[in-house]
Amino acid sequence: MELALLYMIWLRILSGSIDIAAALLMYKLGNLEKAFVVNTSLALIGPIIFIVTTGIGLAGMQDKISLSKMLCLFSGILLIFISLRMK
């Protein structure tokens, strides 16, 4: 198994574990305002994991994918983030 794939898998496991831990913390807190703060902090972690795993995947495929396709992929990711910021 390729090293890049293993890193991607472990990052996704970490991300899921953080989400589960946050859900348990929200349950333990039992307060809507505090749970909202925990949930908002997750909004920072998700995109970071997404960008890092995508970057690792692209780095692992750099010899199998052309530069133009890589640029298209990064442009798509950029458009996703721009569309999320627009109201």
Protein backbone atom coordinates (compact mmCIF):
# COMPACT_ATOMS: atom_id res chain seq x y z
CA MET A 1 0.00 0.00 0.00
CA GLU A 2 1.28 3.45 -0.88
CA LEU A 3 2.44 5.78 1.87
CA ALA A 4 0.27 8.67 0.60
CA LEU A 5 -2.81 6.46 0.86
CA LEU A 6 -1.96 5.49 4.42
CA TYR A 7 -1.56 9.15 5.39
CA MET A 8 -4.92 9.98 3.82
CA ILE A 9 -6.59 7.11 5.69
CA TRP A 10 -5.10 8.13 9.03
CA LEU A 11 -6.09 11.76 8.54
CA ARG A 12 -9.69 10.72 7.83
CA ILE A 13 -9.69 8.45 10.90
CA LEU A 14 -8.35 11.37 12.95
CA SER A 15 -11.00 13.68 11.52
CA GLY A 16 -13.79 11.23 12.31
CA SER A 17 -12.45 10.70 15.82
CA ILE A 18 -12.39 14.45 16.42
CA ASP A 19 -16.02 14.67 15.22
CA ILE A 20 -17.11 11.86 17.54
CA ALA A 21 -15.22 13.41 20.47
CA ALA A 22 -16.86 16.76 19.76
CA ALA A 23 -20.31 15.15 19.69
CA LEU A 24 -19.64 13.48 23.03
CA LEU A 25 -18.38 16.78 24.45
CA MET A 26 -21.52 18.57 23.25
CA TYR A 27 -23.63 15.88 24.92
CA LYS A 28 -21.67 16.17 28.16
CA LEU A 29 -21.88 19.96 28.17
CA GLY A 30 -25.65 19.81 27.77
CA ASN A 31 -25.78 23.49 26.85
CA LEU A 32 -26.80 24.78 23.43
CA GLU A 33 -24.49 27.79 23.49
CA LYS A 34 -21.44 25.76 24.49
CA ALA A 35 -22.30 23.05 21.97
CA PHE A 36 -22.52 25.74 19.31
CA VAL A 37 -18.98 26.89 20.15
CA VAL A 38 -17.70 23.30 19.89
CA ASN A 39 -19.48 22.85 16.56
CA THR A 40 -18.09 26.12 15.23
CA SER A 41 -14.56 25.04 16.06
CA LEU A 42 -15.16 21.91 13.98
CA ALA A 43 -15.79 24.18 11.01
CA LEU A 44 -12.08 25.03 11.09
CA ILE A 45 -10.86 21.46 11.31
CA GLY A 46 -12.92 20.01 8.44
CA PRO A 47 -11.56 22.21 5.63
CA ILE A 48 -8.00 21.82 6.89
CA ILE A 49 -8.28 18.01 6.79
CA PHE A 50 -9.90 18.26 3.33
CA ILE A 51 -7.09 20.40 1.92
CA VAL A 52 -4.32 18.33 3.48
CA THR A 53 -5.74 14.97 2.34
CA THR A 54 -6.30 16.31 -1.18
CA GLY A 55 -2.75 17.65 -1.27
CA ILE A 56 -1.34 14.32 -0.09
CA GLY A 57 -3.38 12.48 -2.70
CA LEU A 58 -2.19 14.79 -5.46
CA ALA A 59 1.40 14.53 -4.31
CA GLY A 60 1.10 10.75 -4.41
CA MET A 61 -0.27 10.89 -7.96
CA GLN A 62 2.05 13.57 -9.31
CA ASP A 63 3.68 11.17 -11.75
CA LYS A 64 0.28 9.86 -12.92
CA ILE A 65 -1.61 13.13 -13.43
CA SER A 66 -0.78 16.05 -15.69
CA LEU A 67 -0.12 19.56 -14.44
CA SER A 68 -3.21 20.91 -16.19
CA LYS A 69 -5.43 18.34 -14.45
CA MET A 70 -3.85 19.22 -11.10
CA LEU A 71 -4.54 22.91 -11.71
CA CYS A 72 -8.15 22.10 -12.61
CA LEU A 73 -8.53 20.12 -9.41
CA PHE A 74 -7.10 22.90 -7.26
CA SER A 75 -9.30 25.41 -9.08
CA GLY A 76 -12.33 23.27 -8.25
CA ILE A 77 -11.34 23.17 -4.59
CA LEU A 78 -10.86 26.93 -4.60
CA LEU A 79 -14.31 27.39 -6.16
CA ILE A 80 -15.86 25.22 -3.44
CA PHE A 81 -14.40 27.45 -0.75
CA ILE A 82 -15.41 30.63 -2.59
CA SER A 83 -18.98 29.38 -2.98
CA LEU A 84 -19.17 28.58 0.73
CA ARG A 85 -18.17 32.12 1.64
CA MET A 86 -20.72 33.82 -0.65
CA LYS A 87 -24.15 34.66 0.70
